[in-house]
PDB file of N, CA and C in Angstrom:
ATOM      1  N   ALA A   1       6.476 136.721  23.479  1.00  0.00           N
ATOM      2  CA  ALA A   1       6.519 135.756  22.402  1.00  0.00           C
ATOM      3  C   ALA A   1       6.611 134.352  22.999  1.00  0.00           C
ATOM      4  N   ARG A   2       5.915 133.427  22.385  1.00  0.00           N
ATOM      5  CA  ARG A   2       5.958 132.037  22.834  1.00  0.00           C
ATOM      6  C   ARG A   2       7.260 131.399  22.380  1.00  0.00           C
ATOM      7  N   ARG A   3       7.726 130.466  23.155  1.00  0.00           N
ATOM      8  CA  ARG A   3       8.938 129.722  22.809  1.00  0.00           C
ATOM      9  C   ARG A   3       8.556 128.502  21.985  1.00  0.00           C
ATOM     10  N   ASP A   4       9.483 128.044  21.155  1.00  0.00           N
ATOM     11  CA  ASP A   4       9.284 126.780  20.472  1.00  0.00           C
ATOM     12  C   ASP A   4       9.414 125.669  21.500  1.00  0.00           C
ATOM     13  N   ARG A   5       8.651 124.607  21.321  1.00  0.00           N
ATOM     14  CA  ARG A   5       8.716 123.497  22.266  1.00  0.00           C
ATOM     15  C   ARG A   5       9.993 122.701  22.014  1.00  0.00           C
ATOM     16  N   PRO A   6      10.813 122.540  23.063  1.00  0.00           N
ATOM     17  CA  PRO A   6      12.000 121.701  22.891  1.00  0.00           C
ATOM     18  C   PRO A   6      11.581 120.256  22.659  1.00  0.00           C
ATOM     19  N   ALA A   7      12.450 119.490  22.064  1.00  0.00           N
ATOM     20  CA  ALA A   7      12.154 118.078  21.857  1.00  0.00           C
ATOM     21  C   ALA A   7      12.043 117.401  23.213  1.00  0.00           C
ATOM     22  N   GLY A   8      11.012 116.593  23.386  1.00  0.00           N
ATOM     23  CA  GLY A   8      10.876 115.847  24.628  1.00  0.00           C
ATOM     24  C   GLY A   8      11.834 114.663  24.613  1.00  0.00           C
ATOM     25  N   GLY A   9      12.088 114.099  25.746  1.00  0.00           N
ATOM     26  CA  GLY A   9      12.976 112.943  25.827  1.00  0.00           C
ATOM     27  C   GLY A   9      14.426 113.349  25.992  1.00  0.00           C
ATOM     28  N   LEU A  10      15.232 112.342  26.243  1.00  0.00           N
ATOM     29  CA  LEU A  10      16.663 112.583  26.428  1.00  0.00           C
ATOM     30  C   LEU A  10      17.316 112.930  25.098  1.00  0.00           C
ATOM     31  N   PRO A  11      18.366 113.731  25.131  1.00  0.00           N
ATOM     32  CA  PRO A  11      19.024 114.119  23.883  1.00  0.00           C
ATOM     33  C   PRO A  11      19.943 113.019  23.333  1.00  0.00           C
ATOM     34  N   PHE A  12      19.938 111.871  23.977  1.00  0.00           N
ATOM     35  CA  PHE A  12      20.770 110.748  23.536  1.00  0.00           C
ATOM     36  C   PHE A  12      20.043 109.466  23.909  1.00  0.00           C
ATOM     37  N   GLU A  13      20.364 108.388  23.237  1.00  0.00           N
ATOM     38  CA  GLU A  13      19.682 107.110  23.443  1.00  0.00           C
ATOM     39  C   GLU A  13      20.423 106.272  24.481  1.00  0.00           C
ATOM     40  N   LEU A  14      19.702 105.853  25.520  1.00  0.00           N
ATOM     41  CA  LEU A  14      20.299 105.016  26.557  1.00  0.00           C
ATOM     42  C   LEU A  14      19.693 103.614  26.618  1.00  0.00           C
ATOM     43  N   ARG A  15      18.518 103.439  26.057  1.00  0.00           N
ATOM     44  CA  ARG A  15      17.821 102.155  26.201  1.00  0.00           C
ATOM     45  C   ARG A  15      18.579 100.998  25.554  1.00  0.00           C
ATOM     46  N   LYS A  16      19.449 101.280  24.615  1.00  0.00           N
ATOM     47  CA  LYS A  16      20.209 100.211  23.944  1.00  0.00           C
ATOM     48  C   LYS A  16      21.451  99.797  24.732  1.00  0.00           C
ATOM     49  N   HIS A  17      21.800 100.556  25.760  1.00  0.00           N
ATOM     50  CA  HIS A  17      22.981 100.228  26.562  1.00  0.00           C
ATOM     51  C   HIS A  17      22.709  98.936  27.330  1.00  0.00           C
ATOM     52  N   PRO A  18      23.705  98.057  27.408  1.00  0.00           N
ATOM     53  CA  PRO A  18      23.492  96.773  28.093  1.00  0.00           C
ATOM     54  C   PRO A  18      23.020  96.914  29.541  1.00  0.00           C
ATOM     55  N   ARG A  19      23.459  97.921  30.235  1.00  0.00           N
ATOM     56  CA  ARG A  19      23.080  98.105  31.645  1.00  0.00           C
ATOM     57  C   ARG A  19      21.679  98.707  31.791  1.00  0.00           C
ATOM     58  N   ALA A  20      21.054  99.088  30.692  1.00  0.00           N
ATOM     59  CA  ALA A  20      19.738  99.723  30.750  1.00  0.00           C
ATOM     60  C   ALA A  20      18.606  98.706  30.653  1.00  0.00           C
ATOM     61  N   LYS A  21      18.904  97.427  30.787  1.00  0.00           N
ATOM     62  CA  LYS A  21      17.883  96.388  30.631  1.00  0.00           C
ATOM     63  C   LYS A  21      17.252  95.963  31.961  1.00  0.00           C
ATOM     64  N   SER A  22      17.847  96.315  33.073  1.00  0.00           N
ATOM     65  CA  SER A  22      17.298  95.897  34.364  1.00  0.00           C
ATOM     66  C   SER A  22      15.994  96.645  34.645  1.00  0.00           C
ATOM     67  N   PRO A  23      15.131  96.062  35.464  1.00  0.00           N
ATOM     68  CA  PRO A  23      13.867  96.737  35.795  1.00  0.00           C
ATOM     69  C   PRO A  23      14.072  98.127  36.401  1.00  0.00           C
ATOM     70  N   ILE A  24      15.076  98.267  37.254  1.00  0.00           N
ATOM     71  CA  ILE A  24      15.340  99.568  37.883  1.00  0.00           C
ATOM     72  C   ILE A  24      15.777 100.581  36.829  1.00  0.00           C
ATOM     73  N   ALA A  25      16.674 100.165  35.937  1.00  0.00           N
ATOM     74  CA  ALA A  25      17.147 101.072  34.882  1.00  0.00           C
ATOM     75  C   ALA A  25      15.996 101.474  33.961  1.00  0.00           C
ATOM     76  N   LEU A  26      15.145 100.513  33.602  1.00  0.00           N
ATOM     77  CA  LEU A  26      14.007 100.825  32.732  1.00  0.00           C
ATOM     78  C   LEU A  26      13.041 101.796  33.400  1.00  0.00           C
ATOM     79  N   GLU A  27      12.811 101.606  34.699  1.00  0.00           N
ATOM     80  CA  GLU A  27      11.936 102.519  35.440  1.00  0.00           C
ATOM     81  C   GLU A  27      12.551 103.920  35.499  1.00  0.00           C
ATOM     82  N   MET A  28      13.857 103.979  35.764  1.00  0.00           N
ATOM     83  CA  MET A  28      14.534 105.271  35.826  1.00  0.00           C
ATOM     84  C   MET A  28      14.469 105.983  34.472  1.00  0.00           C
ATOM     85  N   LEU A  29      14.689 105.253  33.387  1.00  0.00           N
ATOM     86  CA  LEU A  29      14.627 105.853  32.052  1.00  0.00           C
ATOM     87  C   LEU A  29      13.218 106.357  31.742  1.00  0.00           C
ATOM     88  N   SER A  30      12.220 105.621  32.185  1.00  0.00           N
ATOM     89  CA  SER A  30      10.835 106.072  31.981  1.00  0.00           C
ATOM     90  C   SER A  30      10.561 107.359  32.745  1.00  0.00           C
ATOM     91  N   ARG A  31      11.046 107.415  33.995  1.00  0.00           N
ATOM     92  CA  ARG A  31      10.863 108.645  34.782  1.00  0.00           C
ATOM     93  C   ARG A  31      11.604 109.813  34.143  1.00  0.00           C
ATOM     94  N   LEU A  32      12.823 109.567  33.665  1.00  0.00           N
ATOM     95  CA  LEU A  32      13.579 110.639  32.997  1.00  0.00           C
ATOM     96  C   LEU A  32      12.858 111.124  31.743  1.00  0.00           C
ATOM     97  N   ALA A  33      12.323 110.203  30.976  1.00  0.00           N
ATOM     98  CA  ALA A  33      11.596 110.587  29.762  1.00  0.00           C
ATOM     99  C   ALA A  33      10.371 111.432  30.112  1.00  0.00           C
ATOM    100  N   ALA A  34       9.659 111.024  31.172  1.00  0.00           N
ATOM    101  CA  ALA A  34       8.492 111.801  31.609  1.00  0.00           C
ATOM    102  C   ALA A  34       8.914 113.191  32.083  1.00  0.00           C
ATOM    103  N   ASP A  35      10.026 113.277  32.809  1.00  0.00           N
ATOM    104  CA  ASP A  35      10.530 114.578  33.258  1.00  0.00           C
ATOM    105  C   ASP A  35      10.901 115.462  32.065  1.00  0.00           C
ATOM    106  N   CYS A  36      11.524 114.873  31.068  1.00  0.00           N
ATOM    107  CA  CYS A  36      11.896 115.640  29.866  1.00  0.00           C
ATOM    108  C   CYS A  36      10.653 116.169  29.148  1.00  0.00           C
ATOM    109  N   GLU A  37       9.603 115.357  29.092  1.00  0.00           N
ATOM    110  CA  GLU A  37       8.356 115.798  28.467  1.00  0.00           C
ATOM    111  C   GLU A  37       7.729 116.951  29.260  1.00  0.00           C
ATOM    112  N   LEU A  38       7.730 116.833  30.593  1.00  0.00           N
ATOM    113  CA  LEU A  38       7.208 117.913  31.435  1.00  0.00           C
ATOM    114  C   LEU A  38       7.991 119.198  31.211  1.00  0.00           C
ATOM    115  N   TYR A  39       9.313 119.071  31.145  1.00  0.00           N
ATOM    116  CA  TYR A  39      10.162 120.240  30.904  1.00  0.00           C
ATOM    117  C   TYR A  39       9.850 120.858  29.539  1.00  0.00           C
ATOM    118  N   ALA A  40       9.723 120.022  28.522  1.00  0.00           N
ATOM    119  CA  ALA A  40       9.441 120.530  27.174  1.00  0.00           C
ATOM    120  C   ALA A  40       8.104 121.271  27.153  1.00  0.00           C
ATOM    121  N   ASP A  41       7.098 120.707  27.803  1.00  0.00           N
ATOM    122  CA  ASP A  41       5.792 121.368  27.855  1.00  0.00           C
ATOM    123  C   ASP A  41       5.872 122.687  28.615  1.00  0.00           C
ATOM    124  N   ALA A  42       6.592 122.693  29.734  1.00  0.00           N
ATOM    125  CA  ALA A  42       6.723 123.919  30.533  1.00  0.00           C
ATOM    126  C   ALA A  42       7.449 125.001  29.745  1.00  0.00           C
ATOM    127  N   GLU A  43       8.512 124.637  29.051  1.00  0.00           N
ATOM    128  CA  GLU A  43       9.267 125.614  28.260  1.00  0.00           C
ATOM    129  C   GLU A  43       8.422 126.170  27.121  1.00  0.00           C
ATOM    130  N   ALA A  44       7.627 125.307  26.503  1.00  0.00           N
ATOM    131  CA  ALA A  44       6.805 125.750  25.376  1.00  0.00           C
ATOM    132  C   ALA A  44       5.716 126.717  25.827  1.00  0.00           C
ATOM    133  N   SER A  45       5.250 126.569  27.063  1.00  0.00           N
ATOM    134  CA  SER A  45       4.162 127.421  27.534  1.00  0.00           C
ATOM    135  C   SER A  45       4.661 128.719  28.160  1.00  0.00           C
ATOM    136  N   ARG A  46       5.977 128.813  28.388  1.00  0.00           N
ATOM    137  CA  ARG A  46       6.528 130.040  28.981  1.00  0.00           C
ATOM    138  C   ARG A  46       6.582 131.150  27.950  1.00  0.00           C
ATOM    139  N   THR A  47       6.463 132.328  28.436  1.00  0.00           N
ATOM    140  CA  THR A  47       6.604 133.503  27.591  1.00  0.00           C
ATOM    141  C   THR A  47       8.057 133.951  27.641  1.00  0.00           C
ATOM    142  N   MET A  48       8.618 134.238  26.472  1.00  0.00           N
ATOM    143  CA  MET A  48       9.990 134.707  26.437  1.00  0.00           C
ATOM    144  C   MET A  48      10.010 136.147  26.935  1.00  0.00           C
ATOM    145  N   VAL A  49      10.855 136.396  27.898  1.00  0.00           N
ATOM    146  CA  VAL A  49      10.939 137.714  28.508  1.00  0.00           C
ATOM    147  C   VAL A  49      12.101 138.475  27.886  1.00  0.00           C
ATOM    148  N   GLN A  50      11.835 139.707  27.514  1.00  0.00           N
ATOM    149  CA  GLN A  50      12.885 140.574  27.008  1.00  0.00           C
ATOM    150  C   GLN A  50      12.827 141.870  27.787  1.00  0.00           C
ATOM    151  N   LEU A  51      13.991 142.402  28.076  1.00  0.00           N
ATOM    152  CA  LEU A  51      14.034 143.698  28.727  1.00  0.00           C
ATOM    153  C   LEU A  51      13.761 144.767  27.686  1.00  0.00           C
ATOM    154  N   ASP A  52      12.660 145.450  27.848  1.00  0.00           N
ATOM    155  CA  ASP A  52      12.304 146.503  26.906  1.00  0.00           C
ATOM    156  C   ASP A  52      13.396 147.560  26.830  1.00  0.00           C
ATOM    157  N   CYS A  53      14.066 147.786  27.953  1.00  0.00           N
ATOM    158  CA  CYS A  53      15.072 148.840  27.980  1.00  0.00           C
ATOM    159  C   CYS A  53      16.307 148.492  27.152  1.00  0.00           C
ATOM    160  N   LEU A  54      16.436 147.236  26.713  1.00  0.00           N
ATOM    161  CA  LEU A  54      17.590 146.850  25.909  1.00  0.00           C
ATOM    162  C   LEU A  54      17.241 146.570  24.448  1.00  0.00           C
ATOM    163  N   ARG A  55      16.015 146.790  24.051  1.00  0.00           N
ATOM    164  CA  ARG A  55      15.640 146.636  22.641  1.00  0.00           C
ATOM    165  C   ARG A  55      16.260 147.779  21.850  1.00  0.00           C
ATOM    166  N   PRO A  56      16.502 147.566  20.557  1.00  0.00           N
ATOM    167  CA  PRO A  56      17.172 148.601  19.759  1.00  0.00           C
ATOM    168  C   PRO A  56      16.536 149.987  19.852  1.00  0.00           C
ATOM    169  N   ARG A  57      15.216 150.049  19.782  1.00  0.00           N
ATOM    170  CA  ARG A  57      14.581 151.381  19.828  1.00  0.00           C
ATOM    171  C   ARG A  57      14.814 152.064  21.171  1.00  0.00           C
ATOM    172  N   SER A  58      14.858 151.255  22.253  1.00  0.00           N
ATOM    173  CA  SER A  58      15.086 151.837  23.569  1.00  0.00           C
ATOM    174  C   SER A  58      16.526 152.309  23.717  1.00  0.00           C
ATOM    175  N   VAL A  59      17.464 151.528  23.181  1.00  0.00           N
ATOM    176  CA  VAL A  59      18.872 151.930  23.253  1.00  0.00           C
ATOM    177  C   VAL A  59      19.089 153.198  22.427  1.00  0.00           C
ATOM    178  N   GLN A  60      18.459 153.299  21.257  1.00  0.00           N
ATOM    179  CA  GLN A  60      18.574 154.503  20.433  1.00  0.00           C
ATOM    180  C   GLN A  60      18.028 155.715  21.178  1.00  0.00           C
ATOM    181  N   ALA A  61      16.982 155.504  21.960  1.00  0.00           N
ATOM    182  CA  ALA A  61      16.394 156.615  22.717  1.00  0.00           C
ATOM    183  C   ALA A  61      17.367 157.165  23.753  1.00  0.00           C
ATOM    184  N   LEU A  62      18.316 156.340  24.186  1.00  0.00           N
ATOM    185  CA  LEU A  62      19.298 156.808  25.159  1.00  0.00           C
ATOM    186  C   LEU A  62      20.170 157.926  24.588  1.00  0.00           C
ATOM    187  N   PHE A  63      20.213 158.040  23.268  1.00  0.00           N
ATOM    188  CA  PHE A  63      21.051 159.056  22.625  1.00  0.00           C
ATOM    189  C   PHE A  63      20.232 160.150  21.955  1.00  0.00           C
ATOM    190  N   GLY A  64      18.927 160.110  22.130  1.00  0.00           N
ATOM    191  CA  GLY A  64      18.063 161.110  21.518  1.00  0.00           C
ATOM    192  C   GLY A  64      17.696 162.207  22.505  1.00  0.00           C
ATOM    193  N   PRO A  65      16.722 163.032  22.093  1.00  0.00           N
ATOM    194  CA  PRO A  65      16.323 164.163  22.932  1.00  0.00           C
ATOM    195  C   PRO A  65      15.726 163.747  24.280  1.00  0.00           C
ATOM    196  N   SER A  66      15.155 162.564  24.339  1.00  0.00           N
ATOM    197  CA  SER A  66      14.554 162.117  25.605  1.00  0.00           C
ATOM    198  C   SER A  66      15.479 161.139  26.332  1.00  0.00           C
ATOM    199  N   ALA A  67      16.780 161.373  26.228  1.00  0.00           N
ATOM    200  CA  ALA A  67      17.772 160.446  26.786  1.00  0.00           C
ATOM    201  C   ALA A  67      17.611 160.256  28.286  1.00  0.00           C
ATOM    202  N   ARG A  68      17.348 161.324  29.012  1.00  0.00           N
ATOM    203  CA  ARG A  68      17.234 161.207  30.473  1.00  0.00           C
ATOM    204  C   ARG A  68      16.064 160.299  30.843  1.00  0.00           C
ATOM    205  N   THR A  69      14.944 160.467  30.195  1.00  0.00           N
ATOM    206  CA  THR A  69      13.769 159.635  30.478  1.00  0.00           C
ATOM    207  C   THR A  69      14.057 158.177  30.133  1.00  0.00           C
ATOM    208  N   ALA A  70      14.686 157.945  28.968  1.00  0.00           N
ATOM    209  CA  ALA A  70      14.995 156.574  28.554  1.00  0.00           C
ATOM    210  C   ALA A  70      15.988 155.928  29.516  1.00  0.00           C
ATOM    211  N   ALA A  71      16.992 156.665  29.943  1.00  0.00           N
ATOM    212  CA  ALA A  71      17.987 156.128  30.867  1.00  0.00           C
ATOM    213  C   ALA A  71      17.349 155.807  32.220  1.00  0.00           C
ATOM    214  N   THR A  72      16.468 156.664  32.680  1.00  0.00           N
ATOM    215  CA  THR A  72      15.773 156.425  33.952  1.00  0.00           C
ATOM    216  C   THR A  72      14.910 155.175  33.860  1.00  0.00           C
ATOM    217  N   LYS A  73      14.213 155.036  32.740  1.00  0.00           N
ATOM    218  CA  LYS A  73      13.355 153.863  32.542  1.00  0.00           C
ATOM    219  C   LYS A  73      14.208 152.588  32.481  1.00  0.00           C
ATOM    220  N   ALA A  74      15.333 152.645  31.778  1.00  0.00           N
ATOM    221  CA  ALA A  74      16.215 151.478  31.671  1.00  0.00           C
ATOM    222  C   ALA A  74      16.761 151.096  33.046  1.00  0.00           C
ATOM    223  N   ALA A  75      17.202 152.073  33.792  1.00  0.00           N
ATOM    224  CA  ALA A  75      17.749 151.798  35.123  1.00  0.00           C
ATOM    225  C   ALA A  75      16.677 151.206  36.037  1.00  0.00           C
ATOM    226  N   SER A  76      15.476 151.714  35.943  1.00  0.00           N
ATOM    227  CA  SER A  76      14.376 151.202  36.756  1.00  0.00           C
ATOM    228  C   SER A  76      14.069 149.747  36.391  1.00  0.00           C
ATOM    229  N   SER A  77      14.057 149.451  35.095  1.00  0.00           N
ATOM    230  CA  SER A  77      13.800 148.070  34.651  1.00  0.00           C
ATOM    231  C   SER A  77      14.881 147.126  35.150  1.00  0.00           C
ATOM    232  N   LEU A  78      16.113 147.560  35.083  1.00  0.00           N
ATOM    233  CA  LEU A  78      17.215 146.714  35.545  1.00  0.00           C
ATOM    234  C   LEU A  78      17.177 146.509  37.059  1.00  0.00           C
ATOM    235  N   ARG A  79      16.795 147.546  37.807  1.00  0.00           N
ATOM    236  CA  ARG A  79      16.658 147.394  39.261  1.00  0.00           C
ATOM    237  C   ARG A  79      15.548 146.397  39.598  1.00  0.00           C
ATOM    238  N   ALA A  80      14.444 146.462  38.866  1.00  0.00           N
ATOM    239  CA  ALA A  80      13.335 145.531  39.098  1.00  0.00           C
ATOM    240  C   ALA A  80      13.764 144.096  38.788  1.00  0.00           C
ATOM    241  N   LEU A  81      14.506 143.928  37.714  1.00  0.00           N
ATOM    242  CA  LEU A  81      15.001 142.600  37.366  1.00  0.00           C
ATOM    243  C   LEU A  81      15.943 142.078  38.445  1.00  0.00           C
ATOM    244  N   ARG A  82      16.836 142.926  38.910  1.00  0.00           N
ATOM    245  CA  ARG A  82      17.777 142.531  39.965  1.00  0.00           C
ATOM    246  C   ARG A  82      17.019 142.096  41.211  1.00  0.00           C
ATOM    247  N   SER A  83      16.003 142.854  41.591  1.00  0.00           N
ATOM    248  CA  SER A  83      15.208 142.523  42.767  1.00  0.00           C
ATOM    249  C   SER A  83      14.517 141.170  42.593  1.00  0.00           C
ATOM    250  N   ALA A  84      13.941 140.942  41.409  1.00  0.00           N
ATOM    251  CA  ALA A  84      13.269 139.669  41.148  1.00  0.00           C
ATOM    252  C   ALA A  84      14.257 138.505  41.207  1.00  0.00           C
ATOM    253  N   LEU A  85      15.449 138.702  40.674  1.00  0.00           N
ATOM    254  CA  LEU A  85      16.465 137.648  40.706  1.00  0.00           C
ATOM    255  C   LEU A  85      16.940 137.378  42.129  1.00  0.00           C
ATOM    256  N   GLU A  86      17.076 138.427  42.921  1.00  0.00           N
ATOM    257  CA  GLU A  86      17.477 138.241  44.322  1.00  0.00           C
ATOM    258  C   GLU A  86      16.421 137.441  45.076  1.00  0.00           C
ATOM    259  N   GLN A  87      15.145 137.712  44.814  1.00  0.00           N
ATOM    260  CA  GLN A  87      14.071 136.966  45.463  1.00  0.00           C
ATOM    261  C   GLN A  87      14.098 135.500  45.041  1.00  0.00           C
ATOM    262  N   LEU A  88      14.370 135.240  43.756  1.00  0.00           N
ATOM    263  CA  LEU A  88      14.473 133.859  43.293  1.00  0.00           C
ATOM    264  C   LEU A  88      15.640 133.139  43.956  1.00  0.00           C
ATOM    265  N   CYS A  89      16.749 133.843  44.137  1.00  0.00           N
ATOM    266  CA  CYS A  89      17.919 133.238  44.804  1.00  0.00           C
ATOM    267  C   CYS A  89      17.582 132.844  46.232  1.00  0.00           C
ATOM    268  N   VAL A  90      16.873 133.697  46.940  1.00  0.00           N
ATOM    269  CA  VAL A  90      16.481 133.392  48.320  1.00  0.00           C
ATOM    270  C   VAL A  90      15.568 132.168  48.334  1.00  0.00           C
ATOM    271  N   ALA A  91      14.610 132.138  47.430  1.00  0.00           N
ATOM    272  CA  ALA A  91      13.690 130.992  47.362  1.00  0.00           C
ATOM    273  C   ALA A  91      14.442 129.715  47.004  1.00  0.00           C
ATOM    274  N   ASP A  92      15.363 129.807  46.046  1.00  0.00           N
ATOM    275  CA  ASP A  92      16.148 128.635  45.649  1.00  0.00           C
ATOM    276  C   ASP A  92      17.009 128.135  46.801  1.00  0.00           C
ATOM    277  N   GLU A  93      17.589 129.062  47.545  1.00  0.00           N
ATOM    278  CA  GLU A  93      18.416 128.680  48.689  1.00  0.00           C
ATOM    279  C   GLU A  93      17.584 127.929  49.718  1.00  0.00           C
ATOM    280  N   GLY A  94      16.382 128.421  49.974  1.00  0.00           N
ATOM    281  CA  GLY A  94      15.488 127.741  50.916  1.00  0.00           C
ATOM    282  C   GLY A  94      15.093 126.360  50.433  1.00  0.00           C
ATOM    283  N   ALA A  95      14.794 126.244  49.148  1.00  0.00           N
ATOM    284  CA  ALA A  95      14.416 124.942  48.584  1.00  0.00           C
ATOM    285  C   ALA A  95      15.589 123.970  48.636  1.00  0.00           C
ATOM    286  N   ALA A  96      16.792 124.457  48.344  1.00  0.00           N
ATOM    287  CA  ALA A  96      17.983 123.594  48.387  1.00  0.00           C
ATOM    288  C   ALA A  96      18.243 123.119  49.812  1.00  0.00           C
ATOM    289  N   HIS A  97      18.077 124.010  50.771  1.00  0.00           N
ATOM    290  CA  HIS A  97      18.279 123.640  52.174  1.00  0.00           C
ATOM    291  C   HIS A  97      17.260 122.578  52.594  1.00  0.00           C
ATOM    292  N   ALA A  98      16.006 122.782  52.230  1.00  0.00           N
ATOM    293  CA  ALA A  98      14.958 121.815  52.581  1.00  0.00           C
ATOM    294  C   ALA A  98      15.229 120.465  51.921  1.00  0.00           C
ATOM    295  N   ALA A  99      15.690 120.481  50.675  1.00  0.00           N
ATOM    296  CA  ALA A  99      15.986 119.227  49.973  1.00  0.00           C
ATOM    297  C   ALA A  99      17.153 118.503  50.635  1.00  0.00           C
ATOM    298  N   ALA A 100      18.169 119.255  51.048  1.00  0.00           N
ATOM    299  CA  ALA A 100      19.321 118.644  51.720  1.00  0.00           C
ATOM    300  C   ALA A 100      18.891 118.022  53.050  1.00  0.00           C
ATOM    301  N   GLU A 101      18.048 118.732  53.783  1.00  0.00           N
ATOM    302  CA  GLU A 101      17.555 118.189  55.056  1.00  0.00           C
ATOM    303  C   GLU A 101      16.744 116.922  54.825  1.00  0.00           C
ATOM    304  N   ALA A 102      15.905 116.926  53.801  1.00  0.00           N
ATOM    305  CA  ALA A 102      15.097 115.743  53.499  1.00  0.00           C
ATOM    306  C   ALA A 102      15.991 114.572  53.102  1.00  0.00           C
ATOM    307  N   ALA A 103      17.013 114.845  52.295  1.00  0.00           N
ATOM    308  CA  ALA A 103      17.931 113.789  51.874  1.00  0.00           C
ATOM    309  C   ALA A 103      18.677 113.215  53.071  1.00  0.00           C
ATOM    310  N   LEU A 104      19.145 114.078  53.956  1.00  0.00           N
ATOM    311  CA  LEU A 104      19.836 113.601  55.160  1.00  0.00           C
ATOM    312  C   LEU A 104      18.908 112.757  56.029  1.00  0.00           C
ATOM    313  N   GLY A 105      17.661 113.175  56.129  1.00  0.00           N
ATOM    314  CA  GLY A 105      16.700 112.402  56.892  1.00  0.00           C
ATOM    315  C   GLY A 105      16.475 111.025  56.305  1.00  0.00           C
ATOM    316  N   LEU A 106      16.381 110.952  54.983  1.00  0.00           N
ATOM    317  CA  LEU A 106      16.206 109.648  54.338  1.00  0.00           C
ATOM    318  C   LEU A 106      17.431 108.768  54.530  1.00  0.00           C
ATOM    319  N   VAL A 107      18.594 109.331  54.340  1.00  0.00           N
ATOM    320  CA  VAL A 107      19.837 108.577  54.472  1.00  0.00           C
ATOM    321  C   VAL A 107      20.020 108.057  55.888  1.00  0.00           C
ATOM    322  N   ASN A 108      19.675 108.890  56.864  1.00  0.00           N
ATOM    323  CA  ASN A 108      19.880 108.529  58.274  1.00  0.00           C
ATOM    324  C   ASN A 108      18.668 107.811  58.878  1.00  0.00           C
ATOM    325  N   GLY A 109      17.626 107.622  58.086  1.00  0.00           N
ATOM    326  CA  GLY A 109      16.445 106.924  58.589  1.00  0.00           C
ATOM    327  C   GLY A 109      15.647 107.712  59.597  1.00  0.00           C
ATOM    328  N   VAL A 110      15.746 109.034  59.544  1.00  0.00           N
ATOM    329  CA  VAL A 110      15.009 109.878  60.473  1.00  0.00           C
ATOM    330  C   VAL A 110      13.746 110.354  59.765  1.00  0.00           C
ATOM    331  N   PRO A 111      12.568 110.028  60.321  1.00  0.00           N
ATOM    332  CA  PRO A 111      11.343 110.485  59.657  1.00  0.00           C
ATOM    333  C   PRO A 111      11.230 112.008  59.674  1.00  0.00           C
ATOM    334  N   ARG A 112      10.678 112.521  58.627  1.00  0.00           N
ATOM    335  CA  ARG A 112      10.510 113.970  58.500  1.00  0.00           C
ATOM    336  C   ARG A 112       9.124 114.373  58.950  1.00  0.00           C
ATOM    337  N   ASP A 113       9.008 115.471  59.659  1.00  0.00           N
ATOM    338  CA  ASP A 113       7.699 115.942  60.127  1.00  0.00           C
ATOM    339  C   ASP A 113       6.914 116.551  59.018  1.00  0.00           C
TER     340      ASP A 113
END
């Protein structure tokens, strides 16, 4: 199922704040607004994922005549989800490490290869 598109932009108004009038603040607010729009578009285009093994009909099957098959299928789905999440964690850890290294390089004036 498709998701509803979240509202783009910040969930609160900052442009009226006295400190938001400087060129740097205005540029930052523009970048934030663009990021919010990108996020809203990305969320709207994502497919909502549901674990089939946890839908009502699947849970009811756990107590019916084919309970063993339903339980095996549910366990398999959960193992696959766990594996996918573990892979995302590894990727996120690598990205966070690379970002920290890049930030340290910028702060210390060391060019990055």
